[in-house]
Amino acid sequence: MSRSSIHLVRHGEVFNPDKVLYGRLPEFHLSDLGRQMADRVAEHFIEERSKGANLVYLVASPLTRAQETAAPLAAGLNLEIATDERIIEAENRFEGMSRIKSQLRNPRYWPLLRNPMRPSWGEPYAKQVARVMSAVDDARMRAVELGGDNAEAVLVSHQLPIWVTRLAAEGKKLWHDPRQRECTLTSVTTLEFDGAVLTGVRYAEPSADLLPGAANVPGA
């Protein structure tokens, strides 16, 4: 059976001066810093290819910020971007609101907070894992078809779907404190496979030096 690696990349910083929880809303573009981050993660994978990484397939969420993050990767790796709805941002009932913490003081929203383990305000964590892993499996098979043994694919997605997929891959509970997510802007969460068997998880932050001062709106 062929070995393969699937790299789940979170998009770069978004221009969002009003601190909107933008979720699946269209036309939220990368900021200037976000474009630097996109270039940085592209440089990371270009360097990996120069060391022998067999990068053959590139996928992105349909949302603007993911497509814009994938663009330098496509150019630098000479790959087309395949778009996959299954790696889109999580559904969230607070989508479109700004300054969420202050909004949650309003009793009208308290029923949405009744079950944080599901969570009750949005798409269930288990559903997110299922759709992302379905996309990962298809990307893995496509990469092996294109590149054979040790083929690699990059999937540009969003923080929460990536994080809960990592938790599931590591055999951990999906409920978590959002402040404890290890999935920074343009971070790389790598799932390693031997055939269809998940054998390991790795994590890297190519844009670590660009993170101080970057916006980090929950649900983004």
C-alpha atoms as a PDB file:
ATOM      1  CA  MET A   1       0.000   0.000   0.000  1.00  0.00           C
ATOM      2  CA  SER A   2       1.176   3.513  -0.800  1.00  0.00           C
ATOM      3  CA  ARG A   3       2.141   5.983   1.889  1.00  0.00           C
ATOM      4  CA  SER A   4       0.878   9.539   1.631  1.00  0.00           C
ATOM      5  CA  SER A   5       0.673  12.825   3.515  1.00  0.00           C
ATOM      6  CA  ILE A   6      -2.241  15.268   3.593  1.00  0.00           C
ATOM      7  CA  HIS A   7      -1.409  18.797   4.749  1.00  0.00           C
ATOM      8  CA  LEU A   8      -4.332  20.776   6.192  1.00  0.00           C
ATOM      9  CA  VAL A   9      -3.465  24.477   5.895  1.00  0.00           C
ATOM     10  CA  ARG A  10      -5.424  27.197   7.632  1.00  0.00           C
ATOM     11  CA  HIS A  11      -5.924  30.372   5.558  1.00  0.00           C
ATOM     12  CA  GLY A  12      -4.091  33.651   6.260  1.00  0.00           C
ATOM     13  CA  GLU A  13      -5.301  36.693   8.165  1.00  0.00           C
ATOM     14  CA  VAL A  14      -8.465  38.333   6.817  1.00  0.00           C
ATOM     15  CA  PHE A  15      -9.121  42.072   6.481  1.00  0.00           C
ATOM     16  CA  ASN A  16     -11.812  42.440   9.121  1.00  0.00           C
ATOM     17  CA  PRO A  17     -11.678  45.829  10.888  1.00  0.00           C
ATOM     18  CA  ASP A  18     -15.165  45.388  12.382  1.00  0.00           C
ATOM     19  CA  LYS A  19     -14.213  42.039  13.972  1.00  0.00           C
ATOM     20  CA  VAL A  20     -17.104  40.213  12.335  1.00  0.00           C
ATOM     21  CA  LEU A  21     -17.458  36.495  12.853  1.00  0.00           C
ATOM     22  CA  TYR A  22     -17.541  35.992   9.101  1.00  0.00           C
ATOM     23  CA  GLY A  23     -17.990  32.212   8.986  1.00  0.00           C
ATOM     24  CA  ARG A  24     -19.186  31.327   5.489  1.00  0.00           C
ATOM     25  CA  LEU A  25     -19.958  34.899   4.407  1.00  0.00           C
ATOM     26  CA  PRO A  26     -18.539  35.732   0.956  1.00  0.00           C
ATOM     27  CA  GLU A  27     -16.007  38.382   0.006  1.00  0.00           C
ATOM     28  CA  PHE A  28     -13.878  38.471   3.121  1.00  0.00           C
ATOM     29  CA  HIS A  29     -10.438  38.897   1.576  1.00  0.00           C
ATOM     30  CA  LEU A  30      -6.960  38.409   2.985  1.00  0.00           C
ATOM     31  CA  SER A  31      -5.356  41.435   4.597  1.00  0.00           C
ATOM     32  CA  ASP A  32      -1.913  42.629   3.544  1.00  0.00           C
ATOM     33  CA  LEU A  33      -0.495  40.533   6.384  1.00  0.00           C
ATOM     34  CA  GLY A  34      -2.636  37.611   5.264  1.00  0.00           C
ATOM     35  CA  ARG A  35      -1.120  37.790   1.804  1.00  0.00           C
ATOM     36  CA  GLN A  36       2.345  37.731   3.359  1.00  0.00           C
ATOM     37  CA  MET A  37       1.298  34.638   5.266  1.00  0.00           C
ATOM     38  CA  ALA A  38       0.023  33.004   2.085  1.00  0.00           C
ATOM     39  CA  ASP A  39       3.342  33.705   0.409  1.00  0.00           C
ATOM     40  CA  ARG A  40       5.164  32.311   3.423  1.00  0.00           C
ATOM     41  CA  VAL A  41       3.275  29.023   3.462  1.00  0.00           C
ATOM     42  CA  ALA A  42       3.849  28.726  -0.289  1.00  0.00           C
ATOM     43  CA  GLU A  43       7.581  29.237   0.292  1.00  0.00           C
ATOM     44  CA  HIS A  44       7.433  26.528   2.957  1.00  0.00           C
ATOM     45  CA  PHE A  45       6.040  23.969   0.539  1.00  0.00           C
ATOM     46  CA  ILE A  46       8.299  25.054  -2.315  1.00  0.00           C
ATOM     47  CA  GLU A  47      11.247  24.418   0.000  1.00  0.00           C
ATOM     48  CA  GLU A  48       9.786  21.051   0.995  1.00  0.00           C
ATOM     49  CA  ARG A  49       9.493  20.109  -2.679  1.00  0.00           C
ATOM     50  CA  SER A  50      13.124  21.110  -3.209  1.00  0.00           C
ATOM     51  CA  LYS A  51      14.008  18.586  -0.491  1.00  0.00           C
ATOM     52  CA  GLY A  52      12.068  15.853  -2.266  1.00  0.00           C
ATOM     53  CA  ALA A  53       8.477  16.236  -1.105  1.00  0.00           C
ATOM     54  CA  ASN A  54       6.158  14.705  -3.700  1.00  0.00           C
ATOM     55  CA  LEU A  55       3.515  17.477  -3.722  1.00  0.00           C
ATOM     56  CA  VAL A  56       1.056  16.674  -6.489  1.00  0.00           C
ATOM     57  CA  TYR A  57      -2.439  17.857  -5.527  1.00  0.00           C
ATOM     58  CA  LEU A  58      -3.910  21.117  -4.191  1.00  0.00           C
ATOM     59  CA  VAL A  59      -7.423  21.640  -2.831  1.00  0.00           C
ATOM     60  CA  ALA A  60      -9.103  24.677  -1.256  1.00  0.00           C
ATOM     61  CA  SER A  61     -12.352  25.571   0.433  1.00  0.00           C
ATOM     62  CA  PRO A  62     -14.601  27.681  -1.841  1.00  0.00           C
ATOM     63  CA  LEU A  63     -14.427  30.674   0.513  1.00  0.00           C
ATOM     64  CA  THR A  64     -12.483  33.708  -0.712  1.00  0.00           C
ATOM     65  CA  ARG A  65      -9.869  33.662   2.040  1.00  0.00           C
ATOM     66  CA  ALA A  66      -9.004  30.019   1.367  1.00  0.00           C
ATOM     67  CA  GLN A  67      -8.822  30.508  -2.391  1.00  0.00           C
ATOM     68  CA  GLU A  68      -6.550  33.538  -1.952  1.00  0.00           C
ATOM     69  CA  THR A  69      -4.294  31.585   0.404  1.00  0.00           C
ATOM     70  CA  ALA A  70      -4.092  28.744  -2.099  1.00  0.00           C
ATOM     71  CA  ALA A  71      -3.195  31.018  -5.034  1.00  0.00           C
ATOM     72  CA  PRO A  72       0.542  31.420  -4.218  1.00  0.00           C
ATOM     73  CA  LEU A  73       0.727  27.682  -3.575  1.00  0.00           C
ATOM     74  CA  ALA A  74      -0.759  26.987  -6.986  1.00  0.00           C
ATOM     75  CA  ALA A  75       1.713  29.340  -8.651  1.00  0.00           C
ATOM     76  CA  GLY A  76       4.736  28.150  -6.707  1.00  0.00           C
ATOM     77  CA  LEU A  77       4.009  24.437  -7.075  1.00  0.00           C
ATOM     78  CA  ASN A  78       2.558  24.666 -10.594  1.00  0.00           C
ATOM     79  CA  LEU A  79      -0.666  23.006  -9.508  1.00  0.00           C
ATOM     80  CA  GLU A  80      -4.289  23.810 -10.267  1.00  0.00           C
ATOM     81  CA  ILE A  81      -6.633  24.503  -7.361  1.00  0.00           C
ATOM     82  CA  ALA A  82      -9.403  21.951  -6.928  1.00  0.00           C
ATOM     83  CA  THR A  83     -12.308  23.356  -4.893  1.00  0.00           C
ATOM     84  CA  ASP A  84     -14.032  21.154  -2.325  1.00  0.00           C
ATOM     85  CA  GLU A  85     -17.113  22.228  -0.339  1.00  0.00           C
ATOM     86  CA  ARG A  86     -16.387  19.580   2.281  1.00  0.00           C
ATOM     87  CA  ILE A  87     -13.509  21.583   3.776  1.00  0.00           C
ATOM     88  CA  ILE A  88     -15.503  24.814   4.116  1.00  0.00           C
ATOM     89  CA  GLU A  89     -15.796  26.712   7.426  1.00  0.00           C
ATOM     90  CA  ALA A  90     -18.181  25.365  10.073  1.00  0.00           C
ATOM     91  CA  GLU A  91     -21.762  26.595  10.197  1.00  0.00           C
ATOM     92  CA  ASN A  92     -22.296  29.071  13.040  1.00  0.00           C
ATOM     93  CA  ARG A  93     -25.492  30.748  14.235  1.00  0.00           C
ATOM     94  CA  PHE A  94     -23.477  33.813  15.301  1.00  0.00           C
ATOM     95  CA  GLU A  95     -22.207  34.365  11.757  1.00  0.00           C
ATOM     96  CA  GLY A  96     -22.268  38.014  10.731  1.00  0.00           C
ATOM     97  CA  MET A  97     -22.115  39.377  14.281  1.00  0.00           C
ATOM     98  CA  SER A  98     -19.265  41.498  15.571  1.00  0.00           C
ATOM     99  CA  ARG A  99     -17.738  41.621  19.044  1.00  0.00           C
ATOM    100  CA  ILE A 100     -19.221  38.269  19.994  1.00  0.00           C
ATOM    101  CA  LYS A 101     -18.323  38.344  23.694  1.00  0.00           C
ATOM    102  CA  SER A 102     -20.451  41.413  24.315  1.00  0.00           C
ATOM    103  CA  GLN A 103     -23.295  39.961  22.227  1.00  0.00           C
ATOM    104  CA  LEU A 104     -23.425  36.854  24.419  1.00  0.00           C
ATOM    105  CA  ARG A 105     -24.582  38.957  27.375  1.00  0.00           C
ATOM    106  CA  ASN A 106     -27.933  39.275  25.614  1.00  0.00           C
ATOM    107  CA  PRO A 107     -30.374  36.643  27.000  1.00  0.00           C
ATOM    108  CA  ARG A 108     -31.878  36.091  23.550  1.00  0.00           C
ATOM    109  CA  TYR A 109     -28.737  34.171  22.567  1.00  0.00           C
ATOM    110  CA  TRP A 110     -28.433  32.026  25.693  1.00  0.00           C
ATOM    111  CA  PRO A 111     -30.485  29.110  24.274  1.00  0.00           C
ATOM    112  CA  LEU A 112     -27.786  28.714  21.604  1.00  0.00           C
ATOM    113  CA  LEU A 113     -25.240  28.039  24.346  1.00  0.00           C
ATOM    114  CA  ARG A 114     -27.144  25.197  26.010  1.00  0.00           C
ATOM    115  CA  ASN A 115     -24.812  22.430  24.804  1.00  0.00           C
ATOM    116  CA  PRO A 116     -21.193  23.473  24.144  1.00  0.00           C
ATOM    117  CA  MET A 117     -20.177  19.840  23.654  1.00  0.00           C
ATOM    118  CA  ARG A 118     -22.127  19.505  20.391  1.00  0.00           C
ATOM    119  CA  PRO A 119     -22.000  22.607  19.909  1.00  0.00           C
ATOM    120  CA  SER A 120     -25.574  23.902  20.004  1.00  0.00           C
ATOM    121  CA  TRP A 121     -24.721  27.185  18.226  1.00  0.00           C
ATOM    122  CA  GLY A 122     -23.476  25.598  15.048  1.00  0.00           C
ATOM    123  CA  GLU A 123     -22.457  22.546  13.055  1.00  0.00           C
ATOM    124  CA  PRO A 124     -21.774  19.499  15.247  1.00  0.00           C
ATOM    125  CA  TYR A 125     -18.085  18.749  15.685  1.00  0.00           C
ATOM    126  CA  ALA A 126     -18.584  15.136  14.597  1.00  0.00           C
ATOM    127  CA  LYS A 127     -20.213  16.270  11.356  1.00  0.00           C
ATOM    128  CA  GLN A 128     -17.249  18.524  10.610  1.00  0.00           C
ATOM    129  CA  VAL A 129     -14.812  15.670  11.169  1.00  0.00           C
ATOM    130  CA  ALA A 130     -16.830  13.367   8.912  1.00  0.00           C
ATOM    131  CA  ARG A 131     -16.916  15.754   5.971  1.00  0.00           C
ATOM    132  CA  VAL A 132     -13.272  16.808   6.289  1.00  0.00           C
ATOM    133  CA  MET A 133     -12.070  13.205   6.559  1.00  0.00           C
ATOM    134  CA  SER A 134     -14.154  12.328   3.506  1.00  0.00           C
ATOM    135  CA  ALA A 135     -12.328  15.068   1.588  1.00  0.00           C
ATOM    136  CA  VAL A 136      -8.993  13.936   3.028  1.00  0.00           C
ATOM    137  CA  ASP A 137      -9.588  10.350   1.903  1.00  0.00           C
ATOM    138  CA  ASP A 138     -10.459  11.453  -1.618  1.00  0.00           C
ATOM    139  CA  ALA A 139      -7.428  13.773  -1.748  1.00  0.00           C
ATOM    140  CA  ARG A 140      -5.199  10.969  -0.496  1.00  0.00           C
ATOM    141  CA  MET A 141      -6.383   8.593  -3.211  1.00  0.00           C
ATOM    142  CA  ARG A 142      -6.083  11.273  -5.898  1.00  0.00           C
ATOM    143  CA  ALA A 143      -2.569  12.181  -4.763  1.00  0.00           C
ATOM    144  CA  VAL A 144      -1.459   8.547  -4.875  1.00  0.00           C
ATOM    145  CA  GLU A 145      -3.028   8.208  -8.314  1.00  0.00           C
ATOM    146  CA  LEU A 146      -1.024  11.224  -9.498  1.00  0.00           C
ATOM    147  CA  GLY A 147       2.222  10.707  -7.592  1.00  0.00           C
ATOM    148  CA  GLY A 148       2.449   7.126  -6.403  1.00  0.00           C
ATOM    149  CA  ASP A 149       4.165   6.213  -3.148  1.00  0.00           C
ATOM    150  CA  ASN A 150       4.810   9.098  -0.722  1.00  0.00           C
ATOM    151  CA  ALA A 151       2.480  11.420  -2.634  1.00  0.00           C
ATOM    152  CA  GLU A 152       1.396  14.580  -0.802  1.00  0.00           C
ATOM    153  CA  ALA A 153      -1.635  16.867  -1.075  1.00  0.00           C
ATOM    154  CA  VAL A 154      -2.359  20.290   0.408  1.00  0.00           C
ATOM    155  CA  LEU A 155      -5.895  21.219   1.530  1.00  0.00           C
ATOM    156  CA  VAL A 156      -6.508  24.876   2.437  1.00  0.00           C
ATOM    157  CA  SER A 157      -9.293  25.063   4.986  1.00  0.00           C
ATOM    158  CA  HIS A 158     -10.337  26.783   8.231  1.00  0.00           C
ATOM    159  CA  GLN A 159      -9.387  26.652  11.892  1.00  0.00           C
ATOM    160  CA  LEU A 160     -12.259  24.779  13.514  1.00  0.00           C
ATOM    161  CA  PRO A 161     -12.712  22.008  10.905  1.00  0.00           C
ATOM    162  CA  ILE A 162      -8.954  21.425  10.911  1.00  0.00           C
ATOM    163  CA  TRP A 163      -8.705  21.411  14.695  1.00  0.00           C
ATOM    164  CA  VAL A 164     -11.531  18.967  15.369  1.00  0.00           C
ATOM    165  CA  THR A 165     -10.196  16.707  12.615  1.00  0.00           C
ATOM    166  CA  ARG A 166      -6.828  16.705  14.360  1.00  0.00           C
ATOM    167  CA  LEU A 167      -8.482  15.944  17.706  1.00  0.00           C
ATOM    168  CA  ALA A 168     -10.288  12.998  16.121  1.00  0.00           C
ATOM    169  CA  ALA A 169      -7.079  11.786  14.466  1.00  0.00           C
ATOM    170  CA  GLU A 170      -5.338  11.839  17.841  1.00  0.00           C
ATOM    171  CA  GLY A 171      -8.181   9.987  19.521  1.00  0.00           C
ATOM    172  CA  LYS A 172      -9.168  12.937  21.717  1.00  0.00           C
ATOM    173  CA  LYS A 173     -12.603  14.257  22.623  1.00  0.00           C
ATOM    174  CA  LEU A 174     -13.938  16.831  20.169  1.00  0.00           C
ATOM    175  CA  TRP A 175     -15.288  19.243  22.787  1.00  0.00           C
ATOM    176  CA  HIS A 176     -12.613  21.820  23.645  1.00  0.00           C
ATOM    177  CA  ASP A 177     -11.808  25.335  24.808  1.00  0.00           C
ATOM    178  CA  PRO A 178     -11.488  27.457  21.621  1.00  0.00           C
ATOM    179  CA  ARG A 179      -8.650  29.393  23.253  1.00  0.00           C
ATOM    180  CA  GLN A 180      -6.567  26.203  23.329  1.00  0.00           C
ATOM    181  CA  ARG A 181      -6.676  25.409  19.606  1.00  0.00           C
ATOM    182  CA  GLU A 182      -3.244  24.799  18.106  1.00  0.00           C
ATOM    183  CA  CYS A 183      -4.098  25.932  14.602  1.00  0.00           C
ATOM    184  CA  THR A 184      -2.675  29.381  13.915  1.00  0.00           C
ATOM    185  CA  LEU A 185      -2.985  31.343  10.682  1.00  0.00           C
ATOM    186  CA  THR A 186      -1.395  29.447   7.751  1.00  0.00           C
ATOM    187  CA  SER A 187      -0.365  26.640  10.081  1.00  0.00           C
ATOM    188  CA  VAL A 188       0.120  23.169   8.619  1.00  0.00           C
ATOM    189  CA  THR A 189      -1.510  20.128  10.245  1.00  0.00           C
ATOM    190  CA  THR A 190      -0.246  17.002   8.502  1.00  0.00           C
ATOM    191  CA  LEU A 191      -2.010  13.635   8.514  1.00  0.00           C
ATOM    192  CA  GLU A 192       0.248  10.747   7.526  1.00  0.00           C
ATOM    193  CA  PHE A 193      -1.137   7.563   6.002  1.00  0.00           C
ATOM    194  CA  ASP A 194       0.013   4.074   5.121  1.00  0.00           C
ATOM    195  CA  GLY A 195      -2.622   3.064   2.634  1.00  0.00           C
ATOM    196  CA  ALA A 196      -5.901   4.093   4.251  1.00  0.00           C
ATOM    197  CA  VAL A 197      -4.499   3.792   7.789  1.00  0.00           C
ATOM    198  CA  LEU A 198      -3.719   7.017   9.632  1.00  0.00           C
ATOM    199  CA  THR A 199      -0.267   6.600  11.173  1.00  0.00           C
ATOM    200  CA  GLY A 200       0.645  10.028  12.526  1.00  0.00           C
ATOM    201  CA  VAL A 201      -0.061  13.732  12.929  1.00  0.00           C
ATOM    202  CA  ARG A 202       2.435  16.591  12.618  1.00  0.00           C
ATOM    203  CA  TYR A 203       2.078  20.338  13.079  1.00  0.00           C
ATOM    204  CA  ALA A 204       4.115  23.312  11.811  1.00  0.00           C
ATOM    205  CA  GLU A 205       3.817  27.111  11.757  1.00  0.00           C
ATOM    206  CA  PRO A 206       5.579  28.575   8.702  1.00  0.00           C
ATOM    207  CA  SER A 207       4.286  32.065   9.584  1.00  0.00           C
ATOM    208  CA  ALA A 208       5.152  31.994  13.287  1.00  0.00           C
ATOM    209  CA  ASP A 209       7.088  35.259  13.142  1.00  0.00           C
ATOM    210  CA  LEU A 210       4.139  37.026  11.459  1.00  0.00           C
ATOM    211  CA  LEU A 211       1.578  36.024  14.097  1.00  0.00           C
ATOM    212  CA  PRO A 212       2.202  38.719  16.763  1.00  0.00           C
ATOM    213  CA  GLY A 213      -0.358  41.450  16.227  1.00  0.00           C
ATOM    214  CA  ALA A 214      -2.458  39.412  13.777  1.00  0.00           C
ATOM    215  CA  ALA A 215      -6.226  39.464  14.249  1.00  0.00           C
ATOM    216  CA  ASN A 216      -7.666  36.253  15.629  1.00  0.00           C
ATOM    217  CA  VAL A 217     -11.445  36.424  15.674  1.00  0.00           C
ATOM    218  CA  PRO A 218     -13.090  33.253  17.077  1.00  0.00           C
ATOM    219  CA  GLY A 219     -14.744  31.217  14.359  1.00  0.00           C
ATOM    220  CA  ALA A 220     -12.402  32.585  11.717  1.00  0.00           C
END
